[in-house]
Amino acid sequence: MRVQFETLARAHLQLAGQADLDERVKVINDLCRELKGGGANGKKRYYQPIASRSAMQAERNSSARRIALAVALGKVLFWFFSILAALFVAIGIVVSGNMGVAGFFACAFMGSIAWLIGRACRYVLAGR
């Protein structure tokens, strides 16, 4: 008698759970119809659940991308200003034949300023 009662109680709980599940499915289907115009089983458009990423993960990924872009920009600016500094020194060597040592030092000074600007960009953006 006790085994039959337990079996009947389990069957009753299972039916109650199934009824709750059916109600949940109906509510979700109605919401899908309202949002997408076709319901979960509709042929117009299917309901696509939102990706399971949290807002914190999305923010972390976007900030990681920003940091990577800043590092890359710092490296590019460093190399640009280094090449510019080398060009100033090369121009200073060419000009030193006509203007003497003063022309070379002026161009070398401008080259060192360009190199320092490149180093500052790399330090601020890339952290190196």
N, C-alpha and C. Protein backbone atom coordinates (compact mmCIF):
# COMPACT_ATOMS: atom_id res chain seq x y z
N MET A 1 0.82 -1.19 0.00
CA MET A 1 0.00 0.00 0.00
C MET A 1 0.87 1.26 0.00
N ARG A 2 1.93 1.23 0.82
CA ARG A 2 2.81 2.39 0.90
C ARG A 2 3.53 2.61 -0.43
N VAL A 3 3.97 1.57 -1.10
CA VAL A 3 4.66 1.69 -2.39
C VAL A 3 3.73 2.28 -3.43
N GLN A 4 2.47 1.88 -3.44
CA GLN A 4 1.51 2.43 -4.38
C GLN A 4 1.28 3.91 -4.12
N PHE A 5 1.23 4.29 -2.84
CA PHE A 5 1.04 5.71 -2.49
C PHE A 5 2.23 6.53 -2.96
N GLU A 6 3.45 6.04 -2.75
CA GLU A 6 4.65 6.76 -3.18
C GLU A 6 4.69 6.87 -4.70
N THR A 7 4.33 5.81 -5.40
CA THR A 7 4.30 5.85 -6.86
C THR A 7 3.27 6.85 -7.35
N LEU A 8 2.09 6.86 -6.71
CA LEU A 8 1.04 7.81 -7.08
C LEU A 8 1.47 9.24 -6.78
N ALA A 9 2.16 9.45 -5.67
CA ALA A 9 2.64 10.79 -5.31
C ALA A 9 3.69 11.27 -6.31
N ARG A 10 4.63 10.39 -6.72
CA ARG A 10 5.64 10.76 -7.71
C ARG A 10 4.99 11.09 -9.05
N ALA A 11 4.00 10.31 -9.45
CA ALA A 11 3.30 10.58 -10.70
C ALA A 11 2.56 11.91 -10.63
N HIS A 12 1.96 12.20 -9.47
CA HIS A 12 1.25 13.47 -9.30
C HIS A 12 2.23 14.63 -9.38
N LEU A 13 3.38 14.54 -8.74
CA LEU A 13 4.40 15.60 -8.80
C LEU A 13 4.94 15.77 -10.21
N GLN A 14 5.10 14.66 -10.91
CA GLN A 14 5.59 14.74 -12.29
C GLN A 14 4.57 15.44 -13.18
N LEU A 15 3.29 15.13 -13.00
CA LEU A 15 2.25 15.81 -13.78
C LEU A 15 2.17 17.29 -13.44
N ALA A 16 2.35 17.63 -12.17
CA ALA A 16 2.32 19.04 -11.77
C ALA A 16 3.51 19.78 -12.40
N GLY A 17 4.67 19.14 -12.40
CA GLY A 17 5.84 19.75 -13.04
C GLY A 17 5.65 19.93 -14.52
N GLN A 18 5.02 18.95 -15.15
CA GLN A 18 4.74 19.03 -16.58
C GLN A 18 3.76 20.15 -16.87
N ALA A 19 2.77 20.34 -16.00
CA ALA A 19 1.80 21.43 -16.19
C ALA A 19 2.50 22.78 -16.07
N ASP A 20 3.40 22.91 -15.08
CA ASP A 20 4.15 24.15 -14.94
C ASP A 20 5.01 24.40 -16.17
N LEU A 21 5.62 23.33 -16.69
CA LEU A 21 6.46 23.46 -17.87
C LEU A 21 5.63 23.89 -19.07
N ASP A 22 4.44 23.33 -19.22
CA ASP A 22 3.57 23.72 -20.33
C ASP A 22 3.18 25.19 -20.23
N GLU A 23 2.89 25.65 -19.01
CA GLU A 23 2.55 27.06 -18.83
C GLU A 23 3.73 27.96 -19.18
N ARG A 24 4.94 27.55 -18.78
CA ARG A 24 6.13 28.34 -19.10
C ARG A 24 6.35 28.41 -20.60
N VAL A 25 6.15 27.29 -21.28
CA VAL A 25 6.34 27.27 -22.72
C VAL A 25 5.33 28.18 -23.40
N LYS A 26 4.08 28.17 -22.92
CA LYS A 26 3.06 29.05 -23.50
C LYS A 26 3.41 30.52 -23.30
N VAL A 27 3.89 30.87 -22.11
CA VAL A 27 4.27 32.26 -21.84
C VAL A 27 5.44 32.68 -22.72
N ILE A 28 6.43 31.82 -22.85
CA ILE A 28 7.59 32.14 -23.70
C ILE A 28 7.17 32.26 -25.16
N ASN A 29 6.28 31.39 -25.60
CA ASN A 29 5.80 31.44 -26.97
C ASN A 29 5.04 32.75 -27.22
N ASP A 30 4.22 33.17 -26.26
CA ASP A 30 3.50 34.43 -26.41
C ASP A 30 4.47 35.62 -26.45
N LEU A 31 5.47 35.59 -25.59
CA LEU A 31 6.46 36.67 -25.61
C LEU A 31 7.20 36.71 -26.93
N CYS A 32 7.53 35.55 -27.45
CA CYS A 32 8.22 35.50 -28.73
C CYS A 32 7.36 36.06 -29.85
N ARG A 33 6.09 35.75 -29.81
CA ARG A 33 5.18 36.31 -30.82
C ARG A 33 5.13 37.82 -30.75
N GLU A 34 5.08 38.34 -29.53
CA GLU A 34 5.03 39.79 -29.38
C GLU A 34 6.33 40.45 -29.84
N LEU A 35 7.46 39.84 -29.50
CA LEU A 35 8.74 40.44 -29.83
C LEU A 35 9.12 40.29 -31.30
N LYS A 36 8.93 39.11 -31.84
CA LYS A 36 9.40 38.83 -33.18
C LYS A 36 8.32 38.68 -34.22
N GLY A 37 7.11 38.60 -33.81
CA GLY A 37 6.01 38.53 -34.76
C GLY A 37 5.73 37.15 -35.31
N GLY A 38 6.29 36.10 -34.73
CA GLY A 38 6.03 34.79 -35.28
C GLY A 38 5.97 33.70 -34.24
N GLY A 39 6.36 33.97 -33.04
CA GLY A 39 6.34 32.94 -32.00
C GLY A 39 7.53 32.02 -32.12
N ALA A 40 7.70 31.20 -31.11
CA ALA A 40 8.84 30.29 -31.11
C ALA A 40 8.71 29.24 -32.20
N ASN A 41 7.48 28.86 -32.52
CA ASN A 41 7.26 27.86 -33.56
C ASN A 41 6.79 28.47 -34.86
N GLY A 42 6.77 29.80 -34.93
CA GLY A 42 6.27 30.46 -36.13
C GLY A 42 7.22 30.32 -37.30
N LYS A 43 6.71 30.56 -38.49
CA LYS A 43 7.52 30.40 -39.69
C LYS A 43 8.11 31.72 -40.16
N LYS A 44 7.63 32.83 -39.60
CA LYS A 44 8.14 34.12 -40.06
C LYS A 44 9.59 34.32 -39.64
N ARG A 45 9.81 34.43 -38.34
CA ARG A 45 11.15 34.61 -37.80
C ARG A 45 11.28 33.80 -36.53
N TYR A 46 12.42 33.23 -36.34
CA TYR A 46 12.65 32.44 -35.15
C TYR A 46 13.25 33.31 -34.05
N TYR A 47 12.91 32.99 -32.85
CA TYR A 47 13.44 33.70 -31.70
C TYR A 47 14.88 33.28 -31.47
N GLN A 48 15.77 34.23 -31.44
CA GLN A 48 17.17 33.97 -31.17
C GLN A 48 17.49 34.44 -29.75
N PRO A 49 17.86 33.54 -28.86
CA PRO A 49 18.19 33.98 -27.51
C PRO A 49 19.44 34.84 -27.51
N ILE A 50 19.49 35.74 -26.57
CA ILE A 50 20.64 36.64 -26.45
C ILE A 50 21.84 35.80 -26.05
N ALA A 51 22.99 36.17 -26.55
CA ALA A 51 24.21 35.43 -26.23
C ALA A 51 24.43 35.42 -24.73
N SER A 52 25.03 34.38 -24.25
CA SER A 52 25.15 34.18 -22.82
C SER A 52 26.31 34.96 -22.19
N ARG A 53 26.89 35.88 -22.93
CA ARG A 53 27.96 36.68 -22.35
C ARG A 53 27.38 37.76 -21.46
N SER A 54 27.98 37.97 -20.35
CA SER A 54 27.52 39.00 -19.45
C SER A 54 28.05 40.36 -19.89
N ALA A 55 27.51 41.40 -19.32
CA ALA A 55 27.95 42.75 -19.66
C ALA A 55 29.40 42.96 -19.24
N MET A 56 29.80 42.33 -18.15
CA MET A 56 31.19 42.48 -17.69
C MET A 56 32.16 41.83 -18.68
N GLN A 57 31.80 40.68 -19.23
CA GLN A 57 32.66 40.03 -20.21
C GLN A 57 32.78 40.88 -21.46
N ALA A 58 31.68 41.44 -21.90
CA ALA A 58 31.70 42.28 -23.10
C ALA A 58 32.56 43.51 -22.86
N GLU A 59 32.44 44.12 -21.69
CA GLU A 59 33.25 45.29 -21.36
C GLU A 59 34.72 44.92 -21.27
N ARG A 60 35.01 43.76 -20.68
CA ARG A 60 36.39 43.31 -20.56
C ARG A 60 37.00 43.08 -21.94
N ASN A 61 36.23 42.47 -22.84
CA ASN A 61 36.75 42.21 -24.18
C ASN A 61 36.97 43.50 -24.95
N SER A 62 36.04 44.46 -24.83
CA SER A 62 36.20 45.71 -25.56
C SER A 62 37.36 46.52 -24.99
N SER A 63 37.55 46.48 -23.66
CA SER A 63 38.69 47.22 -23.10
C SER A 63 40.00 46.54 -23.48
N ALA A 64 40.01 45.22 -23.60
CA ALA A 64 41.23 44.53 -24.04
C ALA A 64 41.56 44.90 -25.47
N ARG A 65 40.53 45.04 -26.31
CA ARG A 65 40.76 45.46 -27.69
C ARG A 65 41.32 46.87 -27.75
N ARG A 66 40.75 47.76 -26.91
CA ARG A 66 41.25 49.14 -26.88
C ARG A 66 42.70 49.19 -26.45
N ILE A 67 43.06 48.39 -25.46
CA ILE A 67 44.44 48.37 -24.98
C ILE A 67 45.36 47.85 -26.08
N ALA A 68 44.94 46.81 -26.77
CA ALA A 68 45.76 46.26 -27.86
C ALA A 68 45.93 47.29 -28.98
N LEU A 69 44.89 48.04 -29.28
CA LEU A 69 45.00 49.08 -30.31
C LEU A 69 45.92 50.20 -29.86
N ALA A 70 45.86 50.57 -28.58
CA ALA A 70 46.73 51.62 -28.06
C ALA A 70 48.19 51.18 -28.12
N VAL A 71 48.45 49.92 -27.77
CA VAL A 71 49.82 49.40 -27.83
C VAL A 71 50.33 49.43 -29.27
N ALA A 72 49.50 48.99 -30.20
CA ALA A 72 49.89 48.99 -31.62
C ALA A 72 50.13 50.41 -32.12
N LEU A 73 49.27 51.34 -31.73
CA LEU A 73 49.44 52.73 -32.14
C LEU A 73 50.73 53.31 -31.57
N GLY A 74 51.03 52.99 -30.31
CA GLY A 74 52.27 53.46 -29.70
C GLY A 74 53.49 52.97 -30.45
N LYS A 75 53.47 51.70 -30.86
CA LYS A 75 54.61 51.16 -31.60
C LYS A 75 54.74 51.81 -32.97
N VAL A 76 53.61 52.02 -33.65
CA VAL A 76 53.64 52.64 -34.98
C VAL A 76 54.15 54.07 -34.88
N LEU A 77 53.67 54.82 -33.91
CA LEU A 77 54.15 56.20 -33.76
C LEU A 77 55.63 56.24 -33.41
N PHE A 78 56.09 55.31 -32.58
CA PHE A 78 57.52 55.27 -32.24
C PHE A 78 58.35 55.06 -33.50
N TRP A 79 57.95 54.09 -34.32
CA TRP A 79 58.73 53.84 -35.53
C TRP A 79 58.65 55.00 -36.52
N PHE A 80 57.49 55.64 -36.61
CA PHE A 80 57.36 56.80 -37.49
C PHE A 80 58.31 57.92 -37.07
N PHE A 81 58.30 58.24 -35.78
CA PHE A 81 59.16 59.33 -35.31
C PHE A 81 60.63 58.92 -35.32
N SER A 82 60.96 57.65 -35.17
CA SER A 82 62.35 57.20 -35.28
C SER A 82 62.86 57.36 -36.71
N ILE A 83 62.02 57.00 -37.67
CA ILE A 83 62.41 57.18 -39.08
C ILE A 83 62.54 58.66 -39.40
N LEU A 84 61.64 59.47 -38.85
CA LEU A 84 61.73 60.92 -39.04
C LEU A 84 63.02 61.47 -38.45
N ALA A 85 63.40 60.97 -37.27
CA ALA A 85 64.65 61.41 -36.65
C ALA A 85 65.84 61.01 -37.51
N ALA A 86 65.82 59.79 -38.07
CA ALA A 86 66.92 59.36 -38.94
C ALA A 86 66.99 60.24 -40.19
N LEU A 87 65.83 60.63 -40.71
CA LEU A 87 65.83 61.53 -41.87
C LEU A 87 66.41 62.89 -41.52
N PHE A 88 66.09 63.40 -40.33
CA PHE A 88 66.67 64.69 -39.90
C PHE A 88 68.19 64.59 -39.80
N VAL A 89 68.70 63.49 -39.25
CA VAL A 89 70.15 63.31 -39.15
C VAL A 89 70.78 63.20 -40.53
N ALA A 90 70.12 62.47 -41.44
CA ALA A 90 70.64 62.36 -42.81
C ALA A 90 70.65 63.71 -43.50
N ILE A 91 69.60 64.49 -43.31
CA ILE A 91 69.56 65.84 -43.89
C ILE A 91 70.64 66.70 -43.27
N GLY A 92 70.88 66.54 -41.96
CA GLY A 92 71.93 67.29 -41.29
C GLY A 92 73.30 66.97 -41.84
N ILE A 93 73.53 65.69 -42.19
CA ILE A 93 74.82 65.30 -42.76
C ILE A 93 75.01 65.95 -44.13
N VAL A 94 73.93 65.95 -44.93
CA VAL A 94 74.00 66.57 -46.25
C VAL A 94 74.18 68.08 -46.13
N VAL A 95 73.47 68.70 -45.20
CA VAL A 95 73.52 70.16 -45.05
C VAL A 95 74.85 70.60 -44.44
N SER A 96 75.50 69.73 -43.67
CA SER A 96 76.74 70.14 -43.00
C SER A 96 77.84 70.48 -44.01
N GLY A 97 77.75 69.95 -45.22
CA GLY A 97 78.73 70.30 -46.25
C GLY A 97 78.58 71.74 -46.68
N ASN A 98 77.36 72.27 -46.72
CA ASN A 98 77.12 73.64 -47.15
C ASN A 98 77.12 74.63 -45.99
N MET A 99 76.48 74.23 -44.86
CA MET A 99 76.29 75.19 -43.76
C MET A 99 77.26 74.97 -42.60
N GLY A 100 78.00 73.93 -42.64
CA GLY A 100 78.97 73.67 -41.58
C GLY A 100 78.34 72.89 -40.44
N VAL A 101 79.02 72.94 -39.32
CA VAL A 101 78.62 72.16 -38.15
C VAL A 101 77.31 72.66 -37.56
N ALA A 102 77.05 73.95 -37.68
CA ALA A 102 75.83 74.52 -37.09
C ALA A 102 74.58 73.93 -37.75
N GLY A 103 74.60 73.73 -39.04
CA GLY A 103 73.47 73.13 -39.75
C GLY A 103 73.26 71.68 -39.33
N PHE A 104 74.38 70.95 -39.15
CA PHE A 104 74.26 69.56 -38.71
C PHE A 104 73.67 69.49 -37.31
N PHE A 105 74.14 70.34 -36.41
CA PHE A 105 73.63 70.30 -35.04
C PHE A 105 72.16 70.71 -34.97
N ALA A 106 71.74 71.64 -35.82
CA ALA A 106 70.33 72.04 -35.85
C ALA A 106 69.45 70.86 -36.30
N CYS A 107 69.88 70.19 -37.35
CA CYS A 107 69.10 69.04 -37.83
C CYS A 107 69.16 67.88 -36.84
N ALA A 108 70.33 67.67 -36.21
CA ALA A 108 70.45 66.60 -35.22
C ALA A 108 69.57 66.89 -34.01
N PHE A 109 69.48 68.17 -33.62
CA PHE A 109 68.61 68.54 -32.50
C PHE A 109 67.15 68.26 -32.85
N MET A 110 66.74 68.62 -34.06
CA MET A 110 65.36 68.35 -34.48
C MET A 110 65.11 66.84 -34.54
N GLY A 111 66.10 66.07 -34.97
CA GLY A 111 65.97 64.62 -35.00
C GLY A 111 65.83 64.03 -33.61
N SER A 112 66.61 64.57 -32.66
CA SER A 112 66.50 64.06 -31.29
C SER A 112 65.15 64.42 -30.68
N ILE A 113 64.61 65.57 -30.99
CA ILE A 113 63.26 65.94 -30.51
C ILE A 113 62.23 64.98 -31.10
N ALA A 114 62.34 64.68 -32.40
CA ALA A 114 61.40 63.74 -33.03
C ALA A 114 61.52 62.36 -32.39
N TRP A 115 62.76 61.92 -32.10
CA TRP A 115 62.95 60.61 -31.47
C TRP A 115 62.35 60.59 -30.07
N LEU A 116 62.53 61.67 -29.31
CA LEU A 116 61.95 61.75 -27.96
C LEU A 116 60.42 61.74 -28.00
N ILE A 117 59.85 62.40 -28.99
CA ILE A 117 58.38 62.36 -29.13
C ILE A 117 57.92 60.94 -29.41
N GLY A 118 58.65 60.22 -30.27
CA GLY A 118 58.32 58.82 -30.53
C GLY A 118 58.44 57.96 -29.30
N ARG A 119 59.50 58.16 -28.51
CA ARG A 119 59.67 57.40 -27.27
C ARG A 119 58.54 57.71 -26.29
N ALA A 120 58.15 58.98 -26.20
CA ALA A 120 57.06 59.36 -25.30
C ALA A 120 55.74 58.71 -25.73
N CYS A 121 55.48 58.67 -27.02
CA CYS A 121 54.26 58.01 -27.52
C CYS A 121 54.27 56.54 -27.18
N ARG A 122 55.41 55.89 -27.37
CA ARG A 122 55.49 54.46 -27.06
C ARG A 122 55.35 54.23 -25.56
N TYR A 123 55.94 55.08 -24.75
CA TYR A 123 55.86 54.91 -23.30
C TYR A 123 54.42 55.08 -22.80
N VAL A 124 53.74 56.10 -23.32
CA VAL A 124 52.37 56.37 -22.85
C VAL A 124 51.39 55.33 -23.38
N LEU A 125 51.48 55.00 -24.65
CA LEU A 125 50.48 54.12 -25.25
C LEU A 125 50.79 52.64 -25.06
N ALA A 126 52.06 52.26 -25.12
CA ALA A 126 52.41 50.85 -25.03
C ALA A 126 52.94 50.47 -23.66
N GLY A 127 53.27 51.44 -22.83
CA GLY A 127 53.77 51.15 -21.51
C GLY A 127 55.18 50.59 -21.50
N ARG A 128 56.00 50.95 -22.49
CA ARG A 128 57.38 50.46 -22.55
C ARG A 128 58.35 51.60 -22.57
